[in-house]
PDB file of N, CA and C in Angstrom:
ATOM      1  N   MET A   1     208.514  30.191 135.967  1.00  0.00           N
ATOM      2  CA  MET A   1     210.132  29.469 137.111  1.00  0.00           C
ATOM      3  C   MET A   1     210.778  29.594 137.420  1.00  0.00           C
ATOM      4  N   ILE A   2     211.726  29.868 138.124  1.00  0.00           N
ATOM      5  CA  ILE A   2     213.255  30.423 138.793  1.00  0.00           C
ATOM      6  C   ILE A   2     213.425  28.861 138.795  1.00  0.00           C
ATOM      7  N   ASN A   3     214.621  28.351 138.649  1.00  0.00           N
ATOM      8  CA  ASN A   3     215.165  26.647 139.093  1.00  0.00           C
ATOM      9  C   ASN A   3     215.513  27.227 139.832  1.00  0.00           C
ATOM     10  N   LYS A   4     215.774  26.185 141.350  1.00  0.00           N
ATOM     11  CA  LYS A   4     216.735  25.845 141.959  1.00  0.00           C
ATOM     12  C   LYS A   4     217.645  26.943 141.922  1.00  0.00           C
ATOM     13  N   LYS A   5     218.905  26.100 141.417  1.00  0.00           N
ATOM     14  CA  LYS A   5     220.562  26.794 141.555  1.00  0.00           C
ATOM     15  C   LYS A   5     220.630  28.043 141.305  1.00  0.00           C
ATOM     16  N   LEU A   6     219.424  28.656 140.354  1.00  0.00           N
ATOM     17  CA  LEU A   6     219.701  30.707 140.085  1.00  0.00           C
ATOM     18  C   LEU A   6     219.379  30.453 141.591  1.00  0.00           C
ATOM     19  N   LYS A   7     217.982  30.996 142.376  1.00  0.00           N
ATOM     20  CA  LYS A   7     217.305  31.084 143.371  1.00  0.00           C
ATOM     21  C   LYS A   7     218.518  30.721 144.433  1.00  0.00           C
ATOM     22  N   THR A   8     218.782  29.882 144.560  1.00  0.00           N
ATOM     23  CA  THR A   8     220.304  30.044 145.868  1.00  0.00           C
ATOM     24  C   THR A   8     220.984  31.107 145.288  1.00  0.00           C
ATOM     25  N   ALA A   9     221.822  30.856 143.608  1.00  0.00           N
ATOM     26  CA  ALA A   9     222.601  31.897 143.686  1.00  0.00           C
ATOM     27  C   ALA A   9     222.506  33.378 144.259  1.00  0.00           C
ATOM     28  N   ALA A  10     221.152  33.642 143.539  1.00  0.00           N
ATOM     29  CA  ALA A  10     220.796  34.797 144.150  1.00  0.00           C
ATOM     30  C   ALA A  10     220.782  35.412 145.482  1.00  0.00           C
ATOM     31  N   ILE A  11     220.291  34.025 146.506  1.00  0.00           N
ATOM     32  CA  ILE A  11     220.177  34.470 147.670  1.00  0.00           C
ATOM     33  C   ILE A  11     221.389  34.597 148.294  1.00  0.00           C
ATOM     34  N   LEU A  12     222.365  33.790 148.175  1.00  0.00           N
ATOM     35  CA  LEU A  12     223.582  33.636 148.122  1.00  0.00           C
ATOM     36  C   LEU A  12     224.583  35.271 148.156  1.00  0.00           C
ATOM     37  N   MET A  13     223.980  36.120 146.759  1.00  0.00           N
ATOM     38  CA  MET A  13     224.766  37.085 146.569  1.00  0.00           C
ATOM     39  C   MET A  13     224.144  38.309 147.119  1.00  0.00           C
ATOM     40  N   ILE A  14     223.057  38.077 147.808  1.00  0.00           N
ATOM     41  CA  ILE A  14     222.350  38.994 148.784  1.00  0.00           C
ATOM     42  C   ILE A  14     222.798  39.326 149.834  1.00  0.00           C
ATOM     43  N   ILE A  15     223.013  38.169 150.186  1.00  0.00           N
ATOM     44  CA  ILE A  15     223.924  37.464 151.441  1.00  0.00           C
ATOM     45  C   ILE A  15     225.554  38.674 151.848  1.00  0.00           C
ATOM     46  N   HIS A  16     226.005  38.000 150.709  1.00  0.00           N
ATOM     47  CA  HIS A  16     227.493  38.938 150.470  1.00  0.00           C
ATOM     48  C   HIS A  16     227.395  40.347 150.265  1.00  0.00           C
ATOM     49  N   GLY A  17     226.507  40.605 149.303  1.00  0.00           N
ATOM     50  CA  GLY A  17     226.397  42.054 148.362  1.00  0.00           C
ATOM     51  C   GLY A  17     225.798  43.169 149.756  1.00  0.00           C
ATOM     52  N   ALA A  18     224.972  42.106 150.679  1.00  0.00           N
ATOM     53  CA  ALA A  18     224.735  43.423 151.626  1.00  0.00           C
ATOM     54  C   ALA A  18     224.960  43.153 153.008  1.00  0.00           C
ATOM     55  N   MET A  19     224.792  42.127 153.378  1.00  0.00           N
ATOM     56  CA  MET A  19     225.929  41.615 154.993  1.00  0.00           C
ATOM     57  C   MET A  19     227.455  41.775 155.186  1.00  0.00           C
ATOM     58  N   ILE A  20     227.725  41.710 153.862  1.00  0.00           N
ATOM     59  CA  ILE A  20     229.738  41.218 154.271  1.00  0.00           C
ATOM     60  C   ILE A  20     229.758  42.854 153.860  1.00  0.00           C
ATOM     61  N   GLU A  21     229.512  43.339 151.491  1.00  0.00           N
ATOM     62  CA  GLU A  21     230.025  44.518 151.596  1.00  0.00           C
ATOM     63  C   GLU A  21     229.481  45.467 152.251  1.00  0.00           C
ATOM     64  N   ALA A  22     228.284  45.911 151.813  1.00  0.00           N
ATOM     65  CA  ALA A  22     227.994  46.731 151.394  1.00  0.00           C
ATOM     66  C   ALA A  22     227.305  48.168 153.600  1.00  0.00           C
ATOM     67  N   ILE A  23     226.560  46.821 154.527  1.00  0.00           N
ATOM     68  CA  ILE A  23     226.098  47.552 155.773  1.00  0.00           C
ATOM     69  C   ILE A  23     227.937  47.325 155.915  1.00  0.00           C
ATOM     70  N   PRO A  24     228.790  46.956 156.745  1.00  0.00           N
ATOM     71  CA  PRO A  24     229.495  46.889 157.220  1.00  0.00           C
ATOM     72  C   PRO A  24     230.381  47.882 156.899  1.00  0.00           C
ATOM     73  N   SER A  25     230.412  48.299 155.342  1.00  0.00           N
ATOM     74  CA  SER A  25     231.632  49.399 155.205  1.00  0.00           C
ATOM     75  C   SER A  25     230.198  50.652 155.632  1.00  0.00           C
ATOM     76  N   LEU A  26     229.245  51.227 155.088  1.00  0.00           N
ATOM     77  CA  LEU A  26     228.340  51.952 155.696  1.00  0.00           C
ATOM     78  C   LEU A  26     228.701  52.105 157.561  1.00  0.00           C
ATOM     79  N   LEU A  27     228.705  51.253 158.027  1.00  0.00           N
ATOM     80  CA  LEU A  27     228.716  51.415 159.117  1.00  0.00           C
ATOM     81  C   LEU A  27     230.266  51.540 159.788  1.00  0.00           C
ATOM     82  N   MET A  28     230.483  51.353 158.934  1.00  0.00           N
ATOM     83  CA  MET A  28     232.012  51.497 159.549  1.00  0.00           C
ATOM     84  C   MET A  28     233.128  53.325 159.125  1.00  0.00           C
ATOM     85  N   MET A  29     232.389  53.987 157.558  1.00  0.00           N
ATOM     86  CA  MET A  29     232.597  54.916 157.529  1.00  0.00           C
ATOM     87  C   MET A  29     232.394  56.227 158.315  1.00  0.00           C
ATOM     88  N   PRO A  30     231.514  56.124 159.494  1.00  0.00           N
ATOM     89  CA  PRO A  30     231.785  56.895 160.608  1.00  0.00           C
ATOM     90  C   PRO A  30     233.091  57.330 161.450  1.00  0.00           C
ATOM     91  N   SER A  31     233.595  55.966 162.045  1.00  0.00           N
ATOM     92  CA  SER A  31     234.667  55.746 162.487  1.00  0.00           C
ATOM     93  C   SER A  31     235.731  56.307 161.686  1.00  0.00           C
ATOM     94  N   ILE A  32     236.090  55.526 160.710  1.00  0.00           N
ATOM     95  CA  ILE A  32     236.987  55.643 160.255  1.00  0.00           C
ATOM     96  C   ILE A  32     237.282  57.050 160.182  1.00  0.00           C
ATOM     97  N   ALA A  33     236.316  57.622 159.578  1.00  0.00           N
ATOM     98  CA  ALA A  33     236.616  59.112 158.839  1.00  0.00           C
ATOM     99  C   ALA A  33     236.636  60.234 160.423  1.00  0.00           C
ATOM    100  N   SER A  34     235.983  59.738 161.745  1.00  0.00           N
ATOM    101  CA  SER A  34     236.726  60.204 162.824  1.00  0.00           C
ATOM    102  C   SER A  34     237.559  59.861 163.218  1.00  0.00           C
ATOM    103  N   GLY A  35     238.928  58.854 162.570  1.00  0.00           N
ATOM    104  CA  GLY A  35     240.142  58.989 163.421  1.00  0.00           C
ATOM    105  C   GLY A  35     240.073  57.569 163.790  1.00  0.00           C
ATOM    106  N   LEU A  36     239.076  56.947 164.610  1.00  0.00           N
ATOM    107  CA  LEU A  36     239.389  55.968 164.850  1.00  0.00           C
ATOM    108  C   LEU A  36     239.622  54.824 164.409  1.00  0.00           C
ATOM    109  N   GLY A  37     239.761  54.424 163.080  1.00  0.00           N
ATOM    110  CA  GLY A  37     240.549  52.638 162.628  1.00  0.00           C
ATOM    111  C   GLY A  37     241.415  53.074 162.089  1.00  0.00           C
ATOM    112  N   GLY A  38     242.489  53.949 162.298  1.00  0.00           N
ATOM    113  CA  GLY A  38     243.548  54.702 161.116  1.00  0.00           C
ATOM    114  C   GLY A  38     244.736  53.738 161.644  1.00  0.00           C
ATOM    115  N   THR A  39     245.451  54.251 162.405  1.00  0.00           N
ATOM    116  CA  THR A  39     246.433  53.707 162.556  1.00  0.00           C
ATOM    117  C   THR A  39     246.097  52.251 163.509  1.00  0.00           C
ATOM    118  N   GLU A  40     245.111  52.340 164.787  1.00  0.00           N
ATOM    119  CA  GLU A  40     245.469  50.562 165.481  1.00  0.00           C
ATOM    120  C   GLU A  40     245.227  49.644 164.358  1.00  0.00           C
ATOM    121  N   MET A  41     244.406  49.279 164.022  1.00  0.00           N
ATOM    122  CA  MET A  41     243.789  48.109 162.793  1.00  0.00           C
ATOM    123  C   MET A  41     244.854  47.318 162.707  1.00  0.00           C
ATOM    124  N   PRO A  42     244.490  46.266 163.159  1.00  0.00           N
ATOM    125  CA  PRO A  42     245.536  45.278 162.491  1.00  0.00           C
ATOM    126  C   PRO A  42     245.626  44.742 160.904  1.00  0.00           C
ATOM    127  N   PRO A  43     246.738  44.084 160.698  1.00  0.00           N
ATOM    128  CA  PRO A  43     247.333  44.101 159.141  1.00  0.00           C
ATOM    129  C   PRO A  43     245.760  42.752 158.480  1.00  0.00           C
ATOM    130  N   ILE A  44     245.206  43.711 158.159  1.00  0.00           N
ATOM    131  CA  ILE A  44     244.127  42.591 157.533  1.00  0.00           C
ATOM    132  C   ILE A  44     243.618  42.378 155.611  1.00  0.00           C
ATOM    133  N   PHE A  45     245.067  42.893 155.438  1.00  0.00           N
ATOM    134  CA  PHE A  45     245.015  43.167 153.886  1.00  0.00           C
ATOM    135  C   PHE A  45     246.650  42.665 153.908  1.00  0.00           C
ATOM    136  N   ALA A  46     246.766  42.206 152.488  1.00  0.00           N
ATOM    137  CA  ALA A  46     247.849  41.382 152.457  1.00  0.00           C
ATOM    138  C   ALA A  46     248.912  42.742 151.942  1.00  0.00           C
ATOM    139  N   ILE A  47     248.470  43.670 150.996  1.00  0.00           N
ATOM    140  CA  ILE A  47     249.038  45.496 150.439  1.00  0.00           C
ATOM    141  C   ILE A  47     248.484  46.402 151.589  1.00  0.00           C
ATOM    142  N   ASP A  48     249.542  46.950 151.979  1.00  0.00           N
ATOM    143  CA  ASP A  48     249.765  48.192 152.620  1.00  0.00           C
ATOM    144  C   ASP A  48     248.664  49.249 152.064  1.00  0.00           C
ATOM    145  N   PHE A  49     248.557  48.925 150.272  1.00  0.00           N
ATOM    146  CA  PHE A  49     247.743  49.972 149.983  1.00  0.00           C
ATOM    147  C   PHE A  49     246.178  50.600 150.191  1.00  0.00           C
ATOM    148  N   PHE A  50     246.042  48.938 150.768  1.00  0.00           N
ATOM    149  CA  PHE A  50     243.908  48.887 151.202  1.00  0.00           C
ATOM    150  C   PHE A  50     243.831  49.567 152.028  1.00  0.00           C
ATOM    151  N   LYS A  51     244.630  49.600 152.855  1.00  0.00           N
ATOM    152  CA  LYS A  51     244.738  49.868 154.482  1.00  0.00           C
ATOM    153  C   LYS A  51     245.116  51.190 154.098  1.00  0.00           C
ATOM    154  N   ASP A  52     245.539  51.749 154.048  1.00  0.00           N
ATOM    155  CA  ASP A  52     246.340  52.958 153.810  1.00  0.00           C
ATOM    156  C   ASP A  52     245.274  53.784 153.184  1.00  0.00           C
ATOM    157  N   ASN A  53     244.159  53.191 152.210  1.00  0.00           N
ATOM    158  CA  ASN A  53     243.210  54.297 151.708  1.00  0.00           C
ATOM    159  C   ASN A  53     242.293  53.259 151.990  1.00  0.00           C
ATOM    160  N   LEU A  54     241.295  53.003 152.908  1.00  0.00           N
ATOM    161  CA  LEU A  54     240.383  52.676 153.404  1.00  0.00           C
ATOM    162  C   LEU A  54     239.564  52.634 153.623  1.00  0.00           C
ATOM    163  N   MET A  55     239.767  54.145 153.703  1.00  0.00           N
ATOM    164  CA  MET A  55     238.537  55.446 154.086  1.00  0.00           C
ATOM    165  C   MET A  55     237.529  55.290 152.097  1.00  0.00           C
ATOM    166  N   LEU A  56     238.808  55.559 151.620  1.00  0.00           N
ATOM    167  CA  LEU A  56     238.231  55.611 150.414  1.00  0.00           C
ATOM    168  C   LEU A  56     237.485  54.061 149.489  1.00  0.00           C
ATOM    169  N   MET A  57     237.700  53.244 149.811  1.00  0.00           N
ATOM    170  CA  MET A  57     238.194  51.710 149.618  1.00  0.00           C
ATOM    171  C   MET A  57     235.852  51.258 150.358  1.00  0.00           C
ATOM    172  N   MET A  58     235.824  52.349 150.903  1.00  0.00           N
ATOM    173  CA  MET A  58     234.580  51.676 151.561  1.00  0.00           C
ATOM    174  C   MET A  58     233.046  52.481 151.003  1.00  0.00           C
ATOM    175  N   PRO A  59     233.555  53.560 150.115  1.00  0.00           N
ATOM    176  CA  PRO A  59     232.310  54.030 148.762  1.00  0.00           C
ATOM    177  C   PRO A  59     232.274  52.725 147.576  1.00  0.00           C
ATOM    178  N   MET A  60     233.574  52.449 147.865  1.00  0.00           N
ATOM    179  CA  MET A  60     233.106  51.318 146.853  1.00  0.00           C
ATOM    180  C   MET A  60     232.560  50.458 147.016  1.00  0.00           C
ATOM    181  N   ALA A  61     233.240  49.789 147.720  1.00  0.00           N
ATOM    182  CA  ALA A  61     232.327  48.504 148.385  1.00  0.00           C
ATOM    183  C   ALA A  61     230.792  48.954 149.009  1.00  0.00           C
ATOM    184  N   VAL A  62     230.210  49.802 149.437  1.00  0.00           N
ATOM    185  CA  VAL A  62     229.342  50.267 149.408  1.00  0.00           C
ATOM    186  C   VAL A  62     228.624  49.652 147.976  1.00  0.00           C
ATOM    187  N   MET A  63     228.762  50.513 146.834  1.00  0.00           N
ATOM    188  CA  MET A  63     228.736  50.305 145.938  1.00  0.00           C
ATOM    189  C   MET A  63     228.649  49.061 144.748  1.00  0.00           C
ATOM    190  N   PHE A  64     229.686  48.024 145.128  1.00  0.00           N
ATOM    191  CA  PHE A  64     229.925  47.063 144.826  1.00  0.00           C
ATOM    192  C   PHE A  64     229.006  46.000 145.283  1.00  0.00           C
ATOM    193  N   GLY A  65     228.792  46.143 146.726  1.00  0.00           N
ATOM    194  CA  GLY A  65     227.347  45.540 147.612  1.00  0.00           C
ATOM    195  C   GLY A  65     226.251  45.715 147.339  1.00  0.00           C
ATOM    196  N   ILE A  66     225.750  47.159 146.431  1.00  0.00           N
ATOM    197  CA  ILE A  66     224.576  47.501 145.874  1.00  0.00           C
ATOM    198  C   ILE A  66     224.272  46.901 144.721  1.00  0.00           C
ATOM    199  N   THR A  67     225.828  46.643 143.779  1.00  0.00           N
ATOM    200  CA  THR A  67     224.925  46.240 142.177  1.00  0.00           C
ATOM    201  C   THR A  67     224.602  45.091 142.354  1.00  0.00           C
ATOM    202  N   ARG A  68     225.854  44.026 143.163  1.00  0.00           N
ATOM    203  CA  ARG A  68     225.769  42.791 143.484  1.00  0.00           C
ATOM    204  C   ARG A  68     224.140  42.751 144.065  1.00  0.00           C
ATOM    205  N   VAL A  69     223.333  43.201 145.081  1.00  0.00           N
ATOM    206  CA  VAL A  69     222.326  42.610 145.490  1.00  0.00           C
ATOM    207  C   VAL A  69     221.270  43.072 144.318  1.00  0.00           C
ATOM    208  N   ILE A  70     221.126  44.338 143.329  1.00  0.00           N
ATOM    209  CA  ILE A  70     220.189  44.532 142.562  1.00  0.00           C
ATOM    210  C   ILE A  70     220.292  43.727 141.050  1.00  0.00           C
ATOM    211  N   GLY A  71     221.806  42.974 140.944  1.00  0.00           N
ATOM    212  CA  GLY A  71     221.582  41.616 140.191  1.00  0.00           C
ATOM    213  C   GLY A  71     221.323  40.342 140.877  1.00  0.00           C
ATOM    214  N   ALA A  72     221.197  39.948 141.811  1.00  0.00           N
ATOM    215  CA  ALA A  72     220.627  39.062 142.613  1.00  0.00           C
ATOM    216  C   ALA A  72     219.194  39.601 142.177  1.00  0.00           C
ATOM    217  N   MET A  73     218.829  40.530 142.455  1.00  0.00           N
ATOM    218  CA  MET A  73     216.944  40.712 142.404  1.00  0.00           C
ATOM    219  C   MET A  73     216.806  40.585 141.280  1.00  0.00           C
ATOM    220  N   GLY A  74     217.665  41.291 140.087  1.00  0.00           N
ATOM    221  CA  GLY A  74     217.575  40.573 138.522  1.00  0.00           C
ATOM    222  C   GLY A  74     217.257  38.778 138.316  1.00  0.00           C
ATOM    223  N   VAL A  75     218.161  38.056 139.140  1.00  0.00           N
ATOM    224  CA  VAL A  75     217.526  36.430 138.490  1.00  0.00           C
ATOM    225  C   VAL A  75     216.643  36.181 139.321  1.00  0.00           C
ATOM    226  N   LEU A  76     216.441  36.697 140.715  1.00  0.00           N
ATOM    227  CA  LEU A  76     215.440  36.120 141.158  1.00  0.00           C
ATOM    228  C   LEU A  76     213.787  36.456 140.655  1.00  0.00           C
ATOM    229  N   LYS A  77     213.947  37.746 139.237  1.00  0.00           N
ATOM    230  CA  LYS A  77     213.020  37.907 138.485  1.00  0.00           C
ATOM    231  C   LYS A  77     213.131  37.056 137.482  1.00  0.00           C
ATOM    232  N   ASN A  78     213.774  36.905 137.246  1.00  0.00           N
ATOM    233  CA  ASN A  78     214.034  35.731 135.996  1.00  0.00           C
ATOM    234  C   ASN A  78     214.857  36.431 134.267  1.00  0.00           C
ATOM    235  N   ARG A  79     215.550  37.564 135.099  1.00  0.00           N
ATOM    236  CA  ARG A  79     215.987  38.494 133.729  1.00  0.00           C
ATOM    237  C   ARG A  79     217.415  38.454 133.486  1.00  0.00           C
ATOM    238  N   MET A  80     217.701  38.303 132.254  1.00  0.00           N
ATOM    239  CA  MET A  80     218.741  38.549 131.232  1.00  0.00           C
ATOM    240  C   MET A  80     220.136  39.057 131.838  1.00  0.00           C
ATOM    241  N   TRP A  81     219.417  40.716 132.297  1.00  0.00           N
ATOM    242  CA  TRP A  81     220.459  40.908 132.815  1.00  0.00           C
ATOM    243  C   TRP A  81     220.759  40.853 134.252  1.00  0.00           C
ATOM    244  N   GLY A  82     219.950  40.300 135.096  1.00  0.00           N
ATOM    245  CA  GLY A  82     220.248  40.101 136.342  1.00  0.00           C
ATOM    246  C   GLY A  82     221.506  38.864 136.248  1.00  0.00           C
ATOM    247  N   PHE A  83     221.567  38.269 134.941  1.00  0.00           N
ATOM    248  CA  PHE A  83     222.845  37.010 135.371  1.00  0.00           C
ATOM    249  C   PHE A  83     223.788  37.756 134.860  1.00  0.00           C
ATOM    250  N   TYR A  84     223.874  38.166 133.758  1.00  0.00           N
ATOM    251  CA  TYR A  84     225.022  38.738 133.518  1.00  0.00           C
ATOM    252  C   TYR A  84     225.269  39.912 134.002  1.00  0.00           C
ATOM    253  N   LEU A  85     224.908  40.773 135.210  1.00  0.00           N
ATOM    254  CA  LEU A  85     225.340  41.448 135.759  1.00  0.00           C
ATOM    255  C   LEU A  85     226.078  40.486 137.118  1.00  0.00           C
ATOM    256  N   SER A  86     225.438  39.945 137.616  1.00  0.00           N
ATOM    257  CA  SER A  86     225.438  39.308 138.291  1.00  0.00           C
ATOM    258  C   SER A  86     227.048  37.997 138.152  1.00  0.00           C
ATOM    259  N   VAL A  87     227.077  37.323 137.176  1.00  0.00           N
ATOM    260  CA  VAL A  87     228.652  36.447 136.164  1.00  0.00           C
ATOM    261  C   VAL A  87     229.309  37.973 136.946  1.00  0.00           C
ATOM    262  N   ILE A  88     229.228  39.347 135.737  1.00  0.00           N
ATOM    263  CA  ILE A  88     230.161  40.163 136.386  1.00  0.00           C
ATOM    264  C   ILE A  88     230.902  39.926 137.590  1.00  0.00           C
ATOM    265  N   ASN A  89     229.673  40.422 138.594  1.00  0.00           N
ATOM    266  CA  ASN A  89     230.106  40.892 139.278  1.00  0.00           C
ATOM    267  C   ASN A  89     230.992  39.966 139.899  1.00  0.00           C
ATOM    268  N   CYS A  90     230.346  38.618 139.803  1.00  0.00           N
ATOM    269  CA  CYS A  90     231.399  37.212 140.554  1.00  0.00           C
ATOM    270  C   CYS A  90     232.599  36.946 139.798  1.00  0.00           C
ATOM    271  N   VAL A  91     232.935  37.331 138.771  1.00  0.00           N
ATOM    272  CA  VAL A  91     234.111  37.298 138.093  1.00  0.00           C
ATOM    273  C   VAL A  91     235.489  38.460 138.618  1.00  0.00           C
ATOM    274  N   ILE A  92     234.817  40.293 138.447  1.00  0.00           N
ATOM    275  CA  ILE A  92     235.588  40.855 138.915  1.00  0.00           C
ATOM    276  C   ILE A  92     235.804  40.173 140.830  1.00  0.00           C
ATOM    277  N   THR A  93     235.252  39.942 141.970  1.00  0.00           N
ATOM    278  CA  THR A  93     235.274  39.579 142.798  1.00  0.00           C
ATOM    279  C   THR A  93     236.926  38.200 142.787  1.00  0.00           C
ATOM    280  N   MET A  94     236.125  36.960 141.769  1.00  0.00           N
ATOM    281  CA  MET A  94     237.280  36.788 141.872  1.00  0.00           C
ATOM    282  C   MET A  94     238.769  37.759 141.775  1.00  0.00           C
ATOM    283  N   ASN A  95     239.190  38.099 140.660  1.00  0.00           N
ATOM    284  CA  ASN A  95     240.107  38.929 140.433  1.00  0.00           C
ATOM    285  C   ASN A  95     240.422  40.076 141.547  1.00  0.00           C
ATOM    286  N   LEU A  96     239.375  40.345 142.199  1.00  0.00           N
ATOM    287  CA  LEU A  96     240.190  41.070 142.726  1.00  0.00           C
ATOM    288  C   LEU A  96     240.093  40.558 144.431  1.00  0.00           C
ATOM    289  N   MET A  97     239.611  39.828 144.524  1.00  0.00           N
ATOM    290  CA  MET A  97     240.198  38.442 146.110  1.00  0.00           C
ATOM    291  C   MET A  97     241.631  38.070 146.142  1.00  0.00           C
ATOM    292  N   LEU A  98     242.366  37.945 145.239  1.00  0.00           N
ATOM    293  CA  LEU A  98     243.697  37.963 145.406  1.00  0.00           C
ATOM    294  C   LEU A  98     245.144  39.104 146.009  1.00  0.00           C
ATOM    295  N   PHE A  99     244.359  40.366 146.101  1.00  0.00           N
ATOM    296  CA  PHE A  99     244.973  41.542 145.972  1.00  0.00           C
ATOM    297  C   PHE A  99     244.383  41.776 147.921  1.00  0.00           C
ATOM    298  N   MET A 100     243.000  41.108 148.328  1.00  0.00           N
ATOM    299  CA  MET A 100     242.707  41.393 149.454  1.00  0.00           C
ATOM    300  C   MET A 100     242.336  40.366 150.626  1.00  0.00           C
ATOM    301  N   ILE A 101     244.071  39.699 150.326  1.00  0.00           N
ATOM    302  CA  ILE A 101     243.748  38.230 151.111  1.00  0.00           C
ATOM    303  C   ILE A 101     244.810  38.985 153.151  1.00  0.00           C
ATOM    304  N   PRO A 102     243.959  38.420 153.607  1.00  0.00           N
ATOM    305  CA  PRO A 102     242.577  37.668 154.369  1.00  0.00           C
ATOM    306  C   PRO A 102     241.775  38.141 153.795  1.00  0.00           C
ATOM    307  N   ALA A 103     240.843  38.792 154.380  1.00  0.00           N
ATOM    308  CA  ALA A 103     239.914  39.427 154.278  1.00  0.00           C
ATOM    309  C   ALA A 103     239.711  38.978 153.140  1.00  0.00           C
ATOM    310  N   GLY A 104     240.194  39.151 151.697  1.00  0.00           N
ATOM    311  CA  GLY A 104     239.489  38.069 150.520  1.00  0.00           C
ATOM    312  C   GLY A 104     239.104  36.843 150.338  1.00  0.00           C
ATOM    313  N   ILE A 105     239.287  36.018 151.442  1.00  0.00           N
ATOM    314  CA  ILE A 105     238.979  34.543 151.225  1.00  0.00           C
ATOM    315  C   ILE A 105     237.632  34.594 151.388  1.00  0.00           C
ATOM    316  N   ALA A 106     236.599  34.988 152.255  1.00  0.00           N
ATOM    317  CA  ALA A 106     235.038  34.389 152.238  1.00  0.00           C
ATOM    318  C   ALA A 106     234.595  35.427 150.502  1.00  0.00           C
ATOM    319  N   ASP A 107     235.011  36.625 150.268  1.00  0.00           N
ATOM    320  CA  ASP A 107     234.222  37.328 149.327  1.00  0.00           C
ATOM    321  C   ASP A 107     234.820  36.174 148.004  1.00  0.00           C
ATOM    322  N   GLY A 108     235.894  35.341 148.201  1.00  0.00           N
ATOM    323  CA  GLY A 108     236.022  34.704 147.157  1.00  0.00           C
ATOM    324  C   GLY A 108     235.491  33.618 147.184  1.00  0.00           C
ATOM    325  N   ILE A 109     235.283  33.145 148.395  1.00  0.00           N
ATOM    326  CA  ILE A 109     233.659  31.466 148.316  1.00  0.00           C
ATOM    327  C   ILE A 109     233.040  31.725 148.013  1.00  0.00           C
ATOM    328  N   LEU A 110     232.425  33.573 148.303  1.00  0.00           N
ATOM    329  CA  LEU A 110     231.003  33.084 148.268  1.00  0.00           C
ATOM    330  C   LEU A 110     230.791  33.625 147.104  1.00  0.00           C
ATOM    331  N   ALA A 111     231.241  34.176 145.827  1.00  0.00           N
ATOM    332  CA  ALA A 111     231.418  35.054 144.481  1.00  0.00           C
ATOM    333  C   ALA A 111     231.290  33.550 143.990  1.00  0.00           C
ATOM    334  N   CYS A 112     232.629  32.755 144.358  1.00  0.00           N
ATOM    335  CA  CYS A 112     232.832  31.434 143.564  1.00  0.00           C
ATOM    336  C   CYS A 112     231.168  30.276 143.825  1.00  0.00           C
ATOM    337  N   SER A 113     231.265  31.098 144.423  1.00  0.00           N
ATOM    338  CA  SER A 113     230.365  29.728 145.319  1.00  0.00           C
ATOM    339  C   SER A 113     229.173  29.896 144.324  1.00  0.00           C
ATOM    340  N   ALA A 114     228.350  31.133 143.884  1.00  0.00           N
ATOM    341  CA  ALA A 114     227.322  31.959 143.658  1.00  0.00           C
ATOM    342  C   ALA A 114     227.277  31.893 142.012  1.00  0.00           C
ATOM    343  N   LEU A 115     228.745  31.975 141.361  1.00  0.00           N
ATOM    344  CA  LEU A 115     229.181  32.114 140.203  1.00  0.00           C
ATOM    345  C   LEU A 115     229.099  30.170 139.171  1.00  0.00           C
ATOM    346  N   ILE A 116     229.030  29.537 139.705  1.00  0.00           N
ATOM    347  CA  ILE A 116     229.391  28.249 139.728  1.00  0.00           C
ATOM    348  C   ILE A 116     227.366  27.795 140.154  1.00  0.00           C
ATOM    349  N   LEU A 117     227.668  28.201 140.943  1.00  0.00           N
ATOM    350  CA  LEU A 117     225.233  28.087 140.594  1.00  0.00           C
ATOM    351  C   LEU A 117     225.090  28.692 139.074  1.00  0.00           C
ATOM    352  N   LEU A 118     225.511  29.941 139.109  1.00  0.00           N
ATOM    353  CA  LEU A 118     224.933  30.662 138.304  1.00  0.00           C
ATOM    354  C   LEU A 118     224.982  30.031 136.779  1.00  0.00           C
ATOM    355  N   LEU A 119     225.879  29.405 136.257  1.00  0.00           N
ATOM    356  CA  LEU A 119     226.606  28.547 135.421  1.00  0.00           C
ATOM    357  C   LEU A 119     225.361  27.793 135.393  1.00  0.00           C
ATOM    358  N   ILE A 120     225.954  26.803 136.112  1.00  0.00           N
ATOM    359  CA  ILE A 120     224.942  25.194 136.049  1.00  0.00           C
ATOM    360  C   ILE A 120     223.654  25.548 136.093  1.00  0.00           C
ATOM    361  N   GLY A 121     222.561  26.320 137.017  1.00  0.00           N
ATOM    362  CA  GLY A 121     221.433  27.048 136.582  1.00  0.00           C
ATOM    363  C   GLY A 121     221.189  27.656 135.593  1.00  0.00           C
ATOM    364  N   TYR A 122     221.952  28.167 134.486  1.00  0.00           N
ATOM    365  CA  TYR A 122     221.533  28.350 133.505  1.00  0.00           C
ATOM    366  C   TYR A 122     222.049  27.422 132.292  1.00  0.00           C
ATOM    367  N   PHE A 123     223.244  27.014 132.339  1.00  0.00           N
ATOM    368  CA  PHE A 123     223.337  25.774 131.410  1.00  0.00           C
ATOM    369  C   PHE A 123     222.789  24.544 131.545  1.00  0.00           C
ATOM    370  N   GLY A 124     222.279  24.122 133.034  1.00  0.00           N
ATOM    371  CA  GLY A 124     221.969  22.834 133.018  1.00  0.00           C
ATOM    372  C   GLY A 124     223.041  21.662 132.556  1.00  0.00           C
ATOM    373  N   LYS A 125     221.998  20.985 131.610  1.00  0.00           N
ATOM    374  CA  LYS A 125     222.667  19.747 131.199  1.00  0.00           C
ATOM    375  C   LYS A 125     223.202  19.658 130.203  1.00  0.00           C
ATOM    376  N   GLN A 126     222.931  21.055 129.555  1.00  0.00           N
ATOM    377  CA  GLN A 126     223.163  21.279 127.930  1.00  0.00           C
ATOM    378  C   GLN A 126     224.871  20.961 127.522  1.00  0.00           C
ATOM    379  N   THR A 127     225.326  19.946 126.609  1.00  0.00           N
ATOM    380  CA  THR A 127     226.492  19.266 125.853  1.00  0.00           C
ATOM    381  C   THR A 127     227.221  20.718 125.319  1.00  0.00           C
ATOM    382  N   ILE A 128     228.830  20.527 125.354  1.00  0.00           N
ATOM    383  CA  ILE A 128     229.620  20.730 124.354  1.00  0.00           C
ATOM    384  C   ILE A 128     228.858  21.017 123.263  1.00  0.00           C
ATOM    385  N   ARG A 129     229.229  21.902 122.039  1.00  0.00           N
ATOM    386  CA  ARG A 129     229.157  20.882 120.553  1.00  0.00           C
ATOM    387  C   ARG A 129     230.379  20.738 119.930  1.00  0.00           C
TER     388      ARG A 129
END
């Protein structure tokens, strides 16, 4: 039986991975590849490098989203590999969100919330020795 906090974290990660990272990136690839999304895009990143290389970032976002969903599925199946993969994903997202301001704010909120729920769900009321 999976605990409620782990289940909530997994659902949050599925929403984050599928609906915020993977699917929008897949849908944006054709328009950016055809040249529709290049110069007229608003400044969505604090660093121009990301805007200039948006087409290269899309496949990475899809891979990151799929990896996040796979980790969440592992957590839902109560597998330790899913827990570790999910924690790694959350920590990496916390590091990358700083460079993707303002778009990274939503990533940070979801990843930090999921990480807190994962750790509380795993460790529970265990004390520090």
